[in-house]
Amino acid sequence: MVEGDRAHGVRVIRIVDHDSGWAVRFAELGRRLRGALGDVALRIDHIGSTAVPGLAAKPVVDIQISVARLEPLGPFREPLAGLGFVHRADNPERTKRYFREPPGEPRTHVHVRRAGSFSEQFPLLFRDYLRAHPSDAAEYAEVKRRLAAEHPHDGLAYTDAKAGHCWRIIHRADDWAQQTGWSPGPSDA
């Protein structure tokens, strides 16, 4: 679901200029998550647009936690709940387990994915490619701003409209990965 502000009780999709505070927020959350999860988390990474310096984004920090397996939930659900994160069991995406920020804290999405899976690698490659290609990141920001203006109250329409552009980016990112021998660097936390 796309996040934003509420204006007169209606959610508004809002794309804002990059905020260096996003990296600071991730660093603090990453430390807390690493302390709570220990070795259960094989990786903890800052993903999404807020993880790309200079990229405009919705003001939502996305975190990916890579684990050996998604079932049973207990080894990661209990430590996350202990930090106040709310498990969203109704999330329809079967390749991850999804958590939201503790009540009253800034918007945060925690995506728990199986280490080595396509769904885990995709956001890491997407992020690293945009970090290495500022002109593609700037183009992506313009697409997001345009689509947010076209679909200001419809998160699903915004996400669906953005999908084609994201797949074009990942296609270029895959070519880049093949040329450079890309692999994810060390875990962010």
N, C-alpha and C. Protein backbone atom coordinates (compact mmCIF):
# COMPACT_ATOMS: atom_id res chain seq x y z
N MET A 1 0.84 -1.18 0.00
CA MET A 1 0.00 0.00 0.00
C MET A 1 0.89 1.23 0.00
N VAL A 2 0.53 2.23 -0.76
CA VAL A 2 1.31 3.45 -0.87
C VAL A 2 0.97 4.38 0.28
N GLU A 3 1.98 4.99 0.80
CA GLU A 3 1.80 5.84 1.97
C GLU A 3 1.81 7.31 1.58
N GLY A 4 1.32 8.13 2.45
CA GLY A 4 1.34 9.56 2.23
C GLY A 4 0.72 10.26 3.41
N ASP A 5 0.27 11.45 3.18
CA ASP A 5 -0.37 12.24 4.21
C ASP A 5 -1.87 12.08 4.12
N ARG A 6 -2.55 12.51 5.14
CA ARG A 6 -4.00 12.55 5.10
C ARG A 6 -4.42 14.01 5.04
N ALA A 7 -5.23 14.32 4.06
CA ALA A 7 -5.79 15.66 3.93
C ALA A 7 -7.29 15.51 4.04
N HIS A 8 -7.87 16.07 5.08
CA HIS A 8 -9.31 15.98 5.31
C HIS A 8 -9.76 14.52 5.35
N GLY A 9 -8.93 13.65 6.00
CA GLY A 9 -9.29 12.25 6.17
C GLY A 9 -9.04 11.37 4.97
N VAL A 10 -8.50 11.92 3.87
CA VAL A 10 -8.25 11.15 2.66
C VAL A 10 -6.74 11.02 2.49
N ARG A 11 -6.28 9.77 2.27
CA ARG A 11 -4.84 9.56 2.06
C ARG A 11 -4.41 10.22 0.76
N VAL A 12 -3.27 10.90 0.82
CA VAL A 12 -2.69 11.56 -0.34
C VAL A 12 -1.29 10.99 -0.56
N ILE A 13 -1.03 10.51 -1.76
CA ILE A 13 0.30 10.02 -2.09
C ILE A 13 1.20 11.22 -2.26
N ARG A 14 2.30 11.23 -1.51
CA ARG A 14 3.19 12.39 -1.49
C ARG A 14 4.61 11.94 -1.76
N ILE A 15 5.21 12.50 -2.82
CA ILE A 15 6.62 12.26 -3.15
C ILE A 15 7.37 13.52 -2.75
N VAL A 16 8.40 13.34 -1.94
CA VAL A 16 9.15 14.50 -1.43
C VAL A 16 10.62 14.37 -1.84
N ASP A 17 11.32 15.50 -1.81
CA ASP A 17 12.76 15.47 -2.09
C ASP A 17 13.45 14.58 -1.07
N HIS A 18 14.60 14.04 -1.49
CA HIS A 18 15.37 13.15 -0.62
C HIS A 18 15.68 13.84 0.71
N ASP A 19 15.63 13.08 1.78
CA ASP A 19 15.90 13.58 3.13
C ASP A 19 17.03 12.72 3.72
N SER A 20 18.15 13.33 4.04
CA SER A 20 19.27 12.56 4.61
C SER A 20 18.90 11.94 5.95
N GLY A 21 17.84 12.41 6.57
CA GLY A 21 17.37 11.83 7.82
C GLY A 21 16.86 10.41 7.66
N TRP A 22 16.50 10.02 6.43
CA TRP A 22 16.04 8.64 6.20
C TRP A 22 17.16 7.65 6.51
N ALA A 23 18.38 7.96 6.09
CA ALA A 23 19.52 7.06 6.36
C ALA A 23 19.80 7.00 7.86
N VAL A 24 19.65 8.13 8.53
CA VAL A 24 19.86 8.17 9.98
C VAL A 24 18.81 7.31 10.68
N ARG A 25 17.56 7.45 10.24
CA ARG A 25 16.47 6.64 10.82
C ARG A 25 16.75 5.15 10.59
N PHE A 26 17.14 4.79 9.36
CA PHE A 26 17.44 3.38 9.11
C PHE A 26 18.57 2.90 10.02
N ALA A 27 19.63 3.69 10.16
CA ALA A 27 20.78 3.26 10.97
C ALA A 27 20.33 2.95 12.40
N GLU A 28 19.48 3.79 12.96
CA GLU A 28 18.99 3.55 14.32
C GLU A 28 18.11 2.30 14.36
N LEU A 29 17.19 2.19 13.42
CA LEU A 29 16.34 1.00 13.38
C LEU A 29 17.16 -0.26 13.12
N GLY A 30 18.14 -0.17 12.24
CA GLY A 30 18.99 -1.31 11.94
C GLY A 30 19.72 -1.81 13.16
N ARG A 31 20.23 -0.90 13.98
CA ARG A 31 20.91 -1.29 15.23
C ARG A 31 19.93 -2.02 16.16
N ARG A 32 18.73 -1.46 16.30
CA ARG A 32 17.73 -2.09 17.18
C ARG A 32 17.32 -3.46 16.66
N LEU A 33 17.12 -3.55 15.34
CA LEU A 33 16.73 -4.82 14.74
C LEU A 33 17.83 -5.87 14.88
N ARG A 34 19.07 -5.47 14.64
CA ARG A 34 20.19 -6.41 14.76
C ARG A 34 20.29 -6.91 16.20
N GLY A 35 20.13 -6.00 17.15
CA GLY A 35 20.19 -6.40 18.56
C GLY A 35 19.09 -7.37 18.94
N ALA A 36 17.91 -7.18 18.40
CA ALA A 36 16.78 -8.06 18.74
C ALA A 36 16.82 -9.38 17.99
N LEU A 37 17.26 -9.35 16.73
CA LEU A 37 17.20 -10.54 15.88
C LEU A 37 18.48 -11.39 15.89
N GLY A 38 19.60 -10.76 16.18
CA GLY A 38 20.86 -11.50 16.18
C GLY A 38 21.08 -12.24 14.88
N ASP A 39 21.49 -13.50 14.97
CA ASP A 39 21.82 -14.29 13.79
C ASP A 39 20.60 -14.76 13.01
N VAL A 40 19.40 -14.58 13.54
CA VAL A 40 18.19 -14.93 12.77
C VAL A 40 18.14 -14.10 11.50
N ALA A 41 18.59 -12.86 11.60
CA ALA A 41 18.64 -11.97 10.43
C ALA A 41 19.99 -12.18 9.74
N LEU A 42 19.96 -12.83 8.58
CA LEU A 42 21.19 -13.02 7.82
C LEU A 42 21.66 -11.71 7.21
N ARG A 43 20.71 -10.86 6.89
CA ARG A 43 20.99 -9.50 6.39
C ARG A 43 19.89 -8.59 6.92
N ILE A 44 20.23 -7.32 7.10
CA ILE A 44 19.25 -6.26 7.37
C ILE A 44 19.66 -5.10 6.47
N ASP A 45 18.80 -4.75 5.52
CA ASP A 45 19.16 -3.75 4.52
C ASP A 45 18.12 -2.64 4.41
N HIS A 46 18.62 -1.46 4.14
CA HIS A 46 17.78 -0.30 3.79
C HIS A 46 17.49 -0.43 2.30
N ILE A 47 16.23 -0.57 1.93
CA ILE A 47 15.84 -0.73 0.53
C ILE A 47 14.85 0.36 0.15
N GLY A 48 14.42 0.35 -1.10
CA GLY A 48 13.43 1.31 -1.56
C GLY A 48 14.07 2.65 -1.88
N SER A 49 13.24 3.56 -2.28
CA SER A 49 13.71 4.87 -2.74
C SER A 49 14.42 5.67 -1.66
N THR A 50 14.01 5.51 -0.39
CA THR A 50 14.68 6.27 0.67
C THR A 50 16.12 5.81 0.88
N ALA A 51 16.49 4.67 0.29
CA ALA A 51 17.86 4.15 0.41
C ALA A 51 18.77 4.62 -0.70
N VAL A 52 18.25 5.43 -1.62
CA VAL A 52 19.03 5.92 -2.76
C VAL A 52 19.29 7.41 -2.57
N PRO A 53 20.52 7.81 -2.24
CA PRO A 53 20.80 9.23 -2.04
C PRO A 53 20.35 10.08 -3.22
N GLY A 54 19.65 11.16 -2.90
CA GLY A 54 19.20 12.09 -3.92
C GLY A 54 17.87 11.75 -4.57
N LEU A 55 17.34 10.54 -4.32
CA LEU A 55 16.10 10.12 -4.98
C LEU A 55 14.88 10.59 -4.19
N ALA A 56 13.97 11.27 -4.88
CA ALA A 56 12.71 11.67 -4.26
C ALA A 56 11.91 10.41 -3.93
N ALA A 57 11.12 10.48 -2.86
CA ALA A 57 10.43 9.27 -2.40
C ALA A 57 9.23 9.61 -1.55
N LYS A 58 8.39 8.60 -1.32
CA LYS A 58 7.41 8.71 -0.25
C LYS A 58 8.22 8.67 1.05
N PRO A 59 7.85 9.42 2.06
CA PRO A 59 8.63 9.45 3.30
C PRO A 59 8.38 8.20 4.16
N VAL A 60 8.75 7.05 3.61
CA VAL A 60 8.56 5.75 4.27
C VAL A 60 9.87 4.99 4.18
N VAL A 61 10.45 4.62 5.31
CA VAL A 61 11.68 3.84 5.31
C VAL A 61 11.31 2.37 5.14
N ASP A 62 11.87 1.76 4.09
CA ASP A 62 11.68 0.33 3.85
C ASP A 62 12.92 -0.42 4.30
N ILE A 63 12.69 -1.50 5.04
CA ILE A 63 13.77 -2.34 5.56
C ILE A 63 13.50 -3.77 5.12
N GLN A 64 14.55 -4.41 4.65
CA GLN A 64 14.44 -5.82 4.29
C GLN A 64 15.28 -6.63 5.26
N ILE A 65 14.65 -7.64 5.86
CA ILE A 65 15.35 -8.58 6.73
C ILE A 65 15.38 -9.91 5.99
N SER A 66 16.58 -10.43 5.77
CA SER A 66 16.75 -11.71 5.09
C SER A 66 16.93 -12.80 6.13
N VAL A 67 16.13 -13.87 5.99
CA VAL A 67 16.17 -14.98 6.92
C VAL A 67 16.36 -16.29 6.15
N ALA A 68 16.75 -17.33 6.86
CA ALA A 68 16.96 -18.62 6.22
C ALA A 68 15.66 -19.22 5.70
N ARG A 69 14.56 -19.02 6.43
CA ARG A 69 13.26 -19.53 6.01
C ARG A 69 12.15 -18.67 6.61
N LEU A 70 11.02 -18.65 5.92
CA LEU A 70 9.88 -17.83 6.36
C LEU A 70 8.98 -18.53 7.37
N GLU A 71 9.08 -19.84 7.47
CA GLU A 71 8.30 -20.61 8.44
C GLU A 71 9.26 -21.43 9.28
N PRO A 72 9.07 -21.53 10.56
CA PRO A 72 8.03 -20.86 11.34
C PRO A 72 8.33 -19.37 11.53
N LEU A 73 7.30 -18.62 11.85
CA LEU A 73 7.41 -17.18 12.02
C LEU A 73 8.10 -16.77 13.32
N GLY A 74 7.94 -17.57 14.35
CA GLY A 74 8.39 -17.20 15.68
C GLY A 74 9.78 -16.62 15.80
N PRO A 75 10.80 -17.21 15.17
CA PRO A 75 12.15 -16.69 15.36
C PRO A 75 12.34 -15.23 14.96
N PHE A 76 11.52 -14.70 14.05
CA PHE A 76 11.64 -13.27 13.74
C PHE A 76 10.41 -12.48 14.20
N ARG A 77 9.23 -13.10 14.20
CA ARG A 77 8.02 -12.35 14.61
C ARG A 77 8.11 -11.91 16.06
N GLU A 78 8.56 -12.80 16.93
CA GLU A 78 8.59 -12.45 18.36
C GLU A 78 9.57 -11.31 18.65
N PRO A 79 10.80 -11.34 18.13
CA PRO A 79 11.69 -10.20 18.37
C PRO A 79 11.16 -8.89 17.76
N LEU A 80 10.54 -8.97 16.57
CA LEU A 80 9.98 -7.76 15.96
C LEU A 80 8.82 -7.22 16.81
N ALA A 81 7.96 -8.11 17.27
CA ALA A 81 6.85 -7.68 18.13
C ALA A 81 7.40 -7.07 19.43
N GLY A 82 8.50 -7.63 19.93
CA GLY A 82 9.12 -7.08 21.13
C GLY A 82 9.59 -5.64 20.95
N LEU A 83 9.91 -5.27 19.70
CA LEU A 83 10.29 -3.89 19.39
C LEU A 83 9.07 -3.03 19.05
N GLY A 84 7.90 -3.64 19.03
CA GLY A 84 6.67 -2.90 18.74
C GLY A 84 6.19 -2.99 17.31
N PHE A 85 6.92 -3.69 16.43
CA PHE A 85 6.49 -3.81 15.04
C PHE A 85 5.24 -4.68 14.96
N VAL A 86 4.35 -4.32 14.06
CA VAL A 86 3.06 -4.98 13.93
C VAL A 86 3.06 -5.89 12.70
N HIS A 87 2.85 -7.18 12.94
CA HIS A 87 2.80 -8.15 11.84
C HIS A 87 1.49 -7.95 11.07
N ARG A 88 1.61 -7.85 9.76
CA ARG A 88 0.43 -7.71 8.90
C ARG A 88 0.21 -9.05 8.20
N ALA A 89 -0.45 -9.97 8.91
CA ALA A 89 -0.66 -11.33 8.41
C ALA A 89 -1.54 -11.35 7.16
N ASP A 90 -2.29 -10.28 6.92
CA ASP A 90 -3.18 -10.23 5.76
C ASP A 90 -2.46 -9.81 4.47
N ASN A 91 -1.15 -9.59 4.55
CA ASN A 91 -0.41 -9.22 3.35
C ASN A 91 -0.52 -10.34 2.32
N PRO A 92 -0.95 -10.03 1.10
CA PRO A 92 -1.18 -11.10 0.11
C PRO A 92 0.10 -11.62 -0.56
N GLU A 93 1.21 -10.93 -0.42
CA GLU A 93 2.44 -11.37 -1.08
C GLU A 93 3.04 -12.55 -0.32
N ARG A 94 3.07 -13.71 -0.94
CA ARG A 94 3.49 -14.95 -0.28
C ARG A 94 5.00 -15.11 -0.17
N THR A 95 5.78 -14.26 -0.84
CA THR A 95 7.24 -14.41 -0.79
C THR A 95 7.87 -13.56 0.31
N LYS A 96 7.04 -12.98 1.16
CA LYS A 96 7.58 -12.22 2.28
C LYS A 96 6.60 -12.25 3.43
N ARG A 97 7.09 -11.84 4.59
CA ARG A 97 6.26 -11.56 5.75
C ARG A 97 6.44 -10.08 6.00
N TYR A 98 5.34 -9.40 6.30
CA TYR A 98 5.32 -7.94 6.31
C TYR A 98 4.98 -7.41 7.70
N PHE A 99 5.72 -6.39 8.12
CA PHE A 99 5.50 -5.74 9.40
C PHE A 99 5.46 -4.23 9.19
N ARG A 100 4.74 -3.55 10.08
CA ARG A 100 4.66 -2.09 10.05
C ARG A 100 5.25 -1.52 11.34
N GLU A 101 5.47 -0.22 11.31
CA GLU A 101 6.09 0.49 12.41
C GLU A 101 5.28 0.34 13.70
N PRO A 102 5.95 0.50 14.84
CA PRO A 102 5.21 0.56 16.10
C PRO A 102 4.25 1.75 16.09
N PRO A 103 3.11 1.62 16.73
CA PRO A 103 2.15 2.73 16.75
C PRO A 103 2.80 4.03 17.22
N GLY A 104 2.49 5.10 16.48
CA GLY A 104 3.00 6.42 16.82
C GLY A 104 4.36 6.75 16.26
N GLU A 105 5.05 5.79 15.65
CA GLU A 105 6.37 6.05 15.07
C GLU A 105 6.23 6.38 13.59
N PRO A 106 7.27 7.01 13.01
CA PRO A 106 7.21 7.33 11.57
C PRO A 106 7.04 6.07 10.73
N ARG A 107 6.40 6.24 9.58
CA ARG A 107 6.05 5.13 8.70
C ARG A 107 7.28 4.32 8.34
N THR A 108 7.19 3.03 8.58
CA THR A 108 8.27 2.09 8.29
C THR A 108 7.65 0.79 7.80
N HIS A 109 8.19 0.24 6.73
CA HIS A 109 7.76 -1.06 6.22
C HIS A 109 8.91 -2.04 6.38
N VAL A 110 8.65 -3.16 7.03
CA VAL A 110 9.65 -4.19 7.22
C VAL A 110 9.23 -5.41 6.40
N HIS A 111 10.08 -5.79 5.46
CA HIS A 111 9.83 -6.90 4.56
C HIS A 111 10.80 -8.03 4.96
N VAL A 112 10.27 -9.14 5.43
CA VAL A 112 11.10 -10.29 5.78
C VAL A 112 11.03 -11.25 4.61
N ARG A 113 12.20 -11.55 4.02
CA ARG A 113 12.25 -12.41 2.84
C ARG A 113 13.31 -13.49 3.03
N ARG A 114 13.14 -14.57 2.28
CA ARG A 114 14.09 -15.68 2.34
C ARG A 114 15.39 -15.28 1.63
N ALA A 115 16.49 -15.46 2.31
CA ALA A 115 17.81 -15.13 1.76
C ALA A 115 18.05 -15.91 0.48
N GLY A 116 18.55 -15.21 -0.53
CA GLY A 116 18.88 -15.82 -1.81
C GLY A 116 17.72 -15.91 -2.78
N SER A 117 16.52 -15.61 -2.35
CA SER A 117 15.35 -15.70 -3.24
C SER A 117 15.34 -14.52 -4.20
N PHE A 118 14.61 -14.68 -5.30
CA PHE A 118 14.44 -13.59 -6.25
C PHE A 118 13.85 -12.37 -5.56
N SER A 119 12.84 -12.60 -4.71
CA SER A 119 12.18 -11.46 -4.06
C SER A 119 13.13 -10.72 -3.11
N GLU A 120 14.14 -11.40 -2.60
CA GLU A 120 15.14 -10.73 -1.75
C GLU A 120 16.16 -9.97 -2.61
N GLN A 121 16.59 -10.59 -3.69
CA GLN A 121 17.63 -10.00 -4.54
C GLN A 121 17.12 -8.79 -5.33
N PHE A 122 15.87 -8.84 -5.78
CA PHE A 122 15.29 -7.79 -6.62
C PHE A 122 15.47 -6.39 -6.00
N PRO A 123 15.02 -6.15 -4.75
CA PRO A 123 15.16 -4.78 -4.22
C PRO A 123 16.60 -4.37 -3.98
N LEU A 124 17.49 -5.33 -3.72
CA LEU A 124 18.90 -4.99 -3.53
C LEU A 124 19.53 -4.56 -4.85
N LEU A 125 19.25 -5.30 -5.92
CA LEU A 125 19.78 -4.93 -7.24
C LEU A 125 19.17 -3.60 -7.70
N PHE A 126 17.87 -3.44 -7.54
CA PHE A 126 17.19 -2.20 -7.92
C PHE A 126 17.83 -1.00 -7.22
N ARG A 127 18.01 -1.12 -5.90
CA ARG A 127 18.63 -0.05 -5.11
C ARG A 127 20.05 0.24 -5.57
N ASP A 128 20.87 -0.80 -5.70
CA ASP A 128 22.27 -0.60 -6.05
C ASP A 128 22.42 -0.02 -7.46
N TYR A 129 21.57 -0.46 -8.39
CA TYR A 129 21.61 0.09 -9.74
C TYR A 129 21.28 1.59 -9.71
N LEU A 130 20.23 1.97 -9.00
CA LEU A 130 19.86 3.39 -8.96
C LEU A 130 20.93 4.22 -8.23
N ARG A 131 21.57 3.66 -7.24
CA ARG A 131 22.67 4.36 -6.56
C ARG A 131 23.82 4.63 -7.54
N ALA A 132 24.06 3.68 -8.44
CA ALA A 132 25.17 3.80 -9.39
C ALA A 132 24.81 4.56 -10.65
N HIS A 133 23.52 4.87 -10.85
CA HIS A 133 23.05 5.51 -12.08
C HIS A 133 22.11 6.67 -11.73
N PRO A 134 22.68 7.80 -11.30
CA PRO A 134 21.85 8.94 -10.87
C PRO A 134 20.88 9.44 -11.93
N SER A 135 21.24 9.36 -13.21
CA SER A 135 20.31 9.84 -14.24
C SER A 135 19.07 8.95 -14.30
N ASP A 136 19.22 7.64 -14.12
CA ASP A 136 18.06 6.75 -14.07
C ASP A 136 17.25 7.01 -12.81
N ALA A 137 17.91 7.31 -11.71
CA ALA A 137 17.20 7.63 -10.47
C ALA A 137 16.39 8.91 -10.65
N ALA A 138 16.96 9.91 -11.31
CA ALA A 138 16.24 11.16 -11.55
C ALA A 138 15.03 10.93 -12.44
N GLU A 139 15.19 10.11 -13.47
CA GLU A 139 14.06 9.77 -14.35
C GLU A 139 12.96 9.07 -13.56
N TYR A 140 13.35 8.14 -12.70
CA TYR A 140 12.40 7.41 -11.87
C TYR A 140 11.66 8.37 -10.94
N ALA A 141 12.36 9.33 -10.37
CA ALA A 141 11.72 10.32 -9.49
C ALA A 141 10.65 11.09 -10.24
N GLU A 142 10.94 11.48 -11.48
CA GLU A 142 9.95 12.21 -12.28
C GLU A 142 8.73 11.35 -12.57
N VAL A 143 8.95 10.09 -12.87
CA VAL A 143 7.83 9.17 -13.10
C VAL A 143 6.97 9.08 -11.84
N LYS A 144 7.61 8.92 -10.69
CA LYS A 144 6.86 8.81 -9.43
C LYS A 144 6.08 10.08 -9.14
N ARG A 145 6.69 11.24 -9.36
CA ARG A 145 5.98 12.50 -9.11
C ARG A 145 4.76 12.63 -10.03
N ARG A 146 4.95 12.28 -11.31
CA ARG A 146 3.85 12.38 -12.27
C ARG A 146 2.71 11.43 -11.88
N LEU A 147 3.06 10.20 -11.54
CA LEU A 147 2.03 9.22 -11.19
C LEU A 147 1.34 9.55 -9.87
N ALA A 148 2.06 10.13 -8.94
CA ALA A 148 1.43 10.56 -7.69
C ALA A 148 0.42 11.67 -7.96
N ALA A 149 0.73 12.55 -8.90
CA ALA A 149 -0.21 13.61 -9.28
C ALA A 149 -1.43 13.03 -10.01
N GLU A 150 -1.20 12.00 -10.82
CA GLU A 150 -2.31 11.37 -11.56
C GLU A 150 -3.20 10.51 -10.66
N HIS A 151 -2.63 9.92 -9.62
CA HIS A 151 -3.36 9.00 -8.75
C HIS A 151 -3.17 9.40 -7.28
N PRO A 152 -3.54 10.63 -6.91
CA PRO A 152 -3.19 11.11 -5.57
C PRO A 152 -3.86 10.36 -4.42
N HIS A 153 -4.97 9.68 -4.68
CA HIS A 153 -5.71 9.00 -3.60
C HIS A 153 -5.86 7.50 -3.83
N ASP A 154 -5.16 6.96 -4.83
CA ASP A 154 -5.33 5.55 -5.18
C ASP A 154 -3.97 4.87 -5.22
N GLY A 155 -3.57 4.31 -4.07
CA GLY A 155 -2.27 3.67 -3.96
C GLY A 155 -2.08 2.51 -4.90
N LEU A 156 -3.12 1.73 -5.12
CA LEU A 156 -3.01 0.58 -6.02
C LEU A 156 -2.80 1.04 -7.45
N ALA A 157 -3.53 2.05 -7.89
CA ALA A 157 -3.36 2.58 -9.25
C ALA A 157 -1.96 3.17 -9.42
N TYR A 158 -1.47 3.87 -8.41
CA TYR A 158 -0.13 4.44 -8.45
C TYR A 158 0.91 3.33 -8.61
N THR A 159 0.80 2.30 -7.78
CA THR A 159 1.75 1.19 -7.83
C THR A 159 1.68 0.45 -9.16
N ASP A 160 0.46 0.18 -9.63
CA ASP A 160 0.30 -0.51 -10.91
C ASP A 160 0.88 0.31 -12.06
N ALA A 161 0.65 1.62 -12.04
CA ALA A 161 1.15 2.49 -13.12
C ALA A 161 2.67 2.56 -13.11
N LYS A 162 3.27 2.44 -11.95
CA LYS A 162 4.72 2.52 -11.80
C LYS A 162 5.42 1.22 -12.21
N ALA A 163 4.70 0.12 -12.22
CA ALA A 163 5.29 -1.21 -12.43
C ALA A 163 6.07 -1.32 -13.74
N GLY A 164 5.52 -0.84 -14.83
CA GLY A 164 6.21 -0.95 -16.12
C GLY A 164 7.56 -0.27 -16.09
N HIS A 165 7.62 0.91 -15.49
CA HIS A 165 8.89 1.62 -15.41
C HIS A 165 9.88 0.86 -14.52
N CYS A 166 9.39 0.31 -13.43
CA CYS A 166 10.27 -0.47 -12.54
C CYS A 166 10.84 -1.68 -13.26
N TRP A 167 10.05 -2.34 -14.08
CA TRP A 167 10.56 -3.49 -14.81
C TRP A 167 11.58 -3.07 -15.86
N ARG A 168 11.41 -1.90 -16.45
CA ARG A 168 12.43 -1.40 -17.39
C ARG A 168 13.74 -1.13 -16.65
N ILE A 169 13.64 -0.57 -15.44
CA ILE A 169 14.84 -0.33 -14.64
C ILE A 169 15.51 -1.65 -14.28
N ILE A 170 14.74 -2.64 -13.84
CA ILE A 170 15.36 -3.89 -13.41
C ILE A 170 15.98 -4.62 -14.61
N HIS A 171 15.42 -4.43 -15.79
CA HIS A 171 16.03 -5.02 -16.99
C HIS A 171 17.42 -4.40 -17.21
N ARG A 172 17.50 -3.07 -17.12
CA ARG A 172 18.80 -2.40 -17.26
C ARG A 172 19.73 -2.81 -16.13
N ALA A 173 19.16 -2.95 -14.93
CA ALA A 173 19.96 -3.34 -13.77
C ALA A 173 20.53 -4.74 -13.95
N ASP A 174 19.75 -5.64 -14.53
CA ASP A 174 20.25 -6.99 -14.77
C ASP A 174 21.39 -6.96 -15.79
N ASP A 175 21.25 -6.17 -16.85
CA ASP A 175 22.35 -6.03 -17.81
C ASP A 175 23.61 -5.51 -17.10
N TRP A 176 23.44 -4.49 -16.27
CA TRP A 176 24.54 -3.91 -15.50
C TRP A 176 25.16 -4.95 -14.58
N ALA A 177 24.32 -5.75 -13.91
CA ALA A 177 24.82 -6.78 -13.01
C ALA A 177 25.67 -7.80 -13.77
N GLN A 178 25.22 -8.16 -14.98
CA GLN A 178 25.97 -9.12 -15.79
C GLN A 178 27.32 -8.54 -16.23
N GLN A 179 27.33 -7.25 -16.54
CA GLN A 179 28.56 -6.60 -16.99
C GLN A 179 29.56 -6.39 -15.84
N THR A 180 29.03 -6.14 -14.65
CA THR A 180 29.91 -5.79 -13.53
C THR A 180 30.16 -6.94 -12.57
N GLY A 181 29.38 -8.01 -12.69
CA GLY A 181 29.49 -9.09 -11.72
C GLY A 181 28.88 -8.72 -10.38
N TRP A 182 27.86 -7.86 -10.41
CA TRP A 182 27.22 -7.39 -9.18
C TRP A 182 26.81 -8.54 -8.28
N SER A 183 26.99 -8.33 -7.01
CA SER A 183 26.37 -9.14 -5.98
C SER A 183 26.15 -8.20 -4.80
N PRO A 184 25.20 -8.51 -3.93
CA PRO A 184 24.95 -7.60 -2.82
C PRO A 184 26.20 -7.43 -1.96
N GLY A 185 26.44 -6.22 -1.56
CA GLY A 185 27.54 -5.97 -0.65
C GLY A 185 27.17 -6.48 0.75
N PRO A 186 27.94 -6.09 1.74
CA PRO A 186 27.63 -6.53 3.10
C PRO A 186 26.29 -5.97 3.58
N SER A 187 25.71 -6.64 4.52
CA SER A 187 24.45 -6.21 5.15
C SER A 187 24.62 -4.78 5.69
N ASP A 188 23.54 -4.01 5.62
CA ASP A 188 23.59 -2.62 6.10
C ASP A 188 23.58 -2.52 7.63
N ALA A 189 23.14 -3.57 8.30
CA ALA A 189 23.10 -3.53 9.77
C ALA A 189 23.44 -4.90 10.33
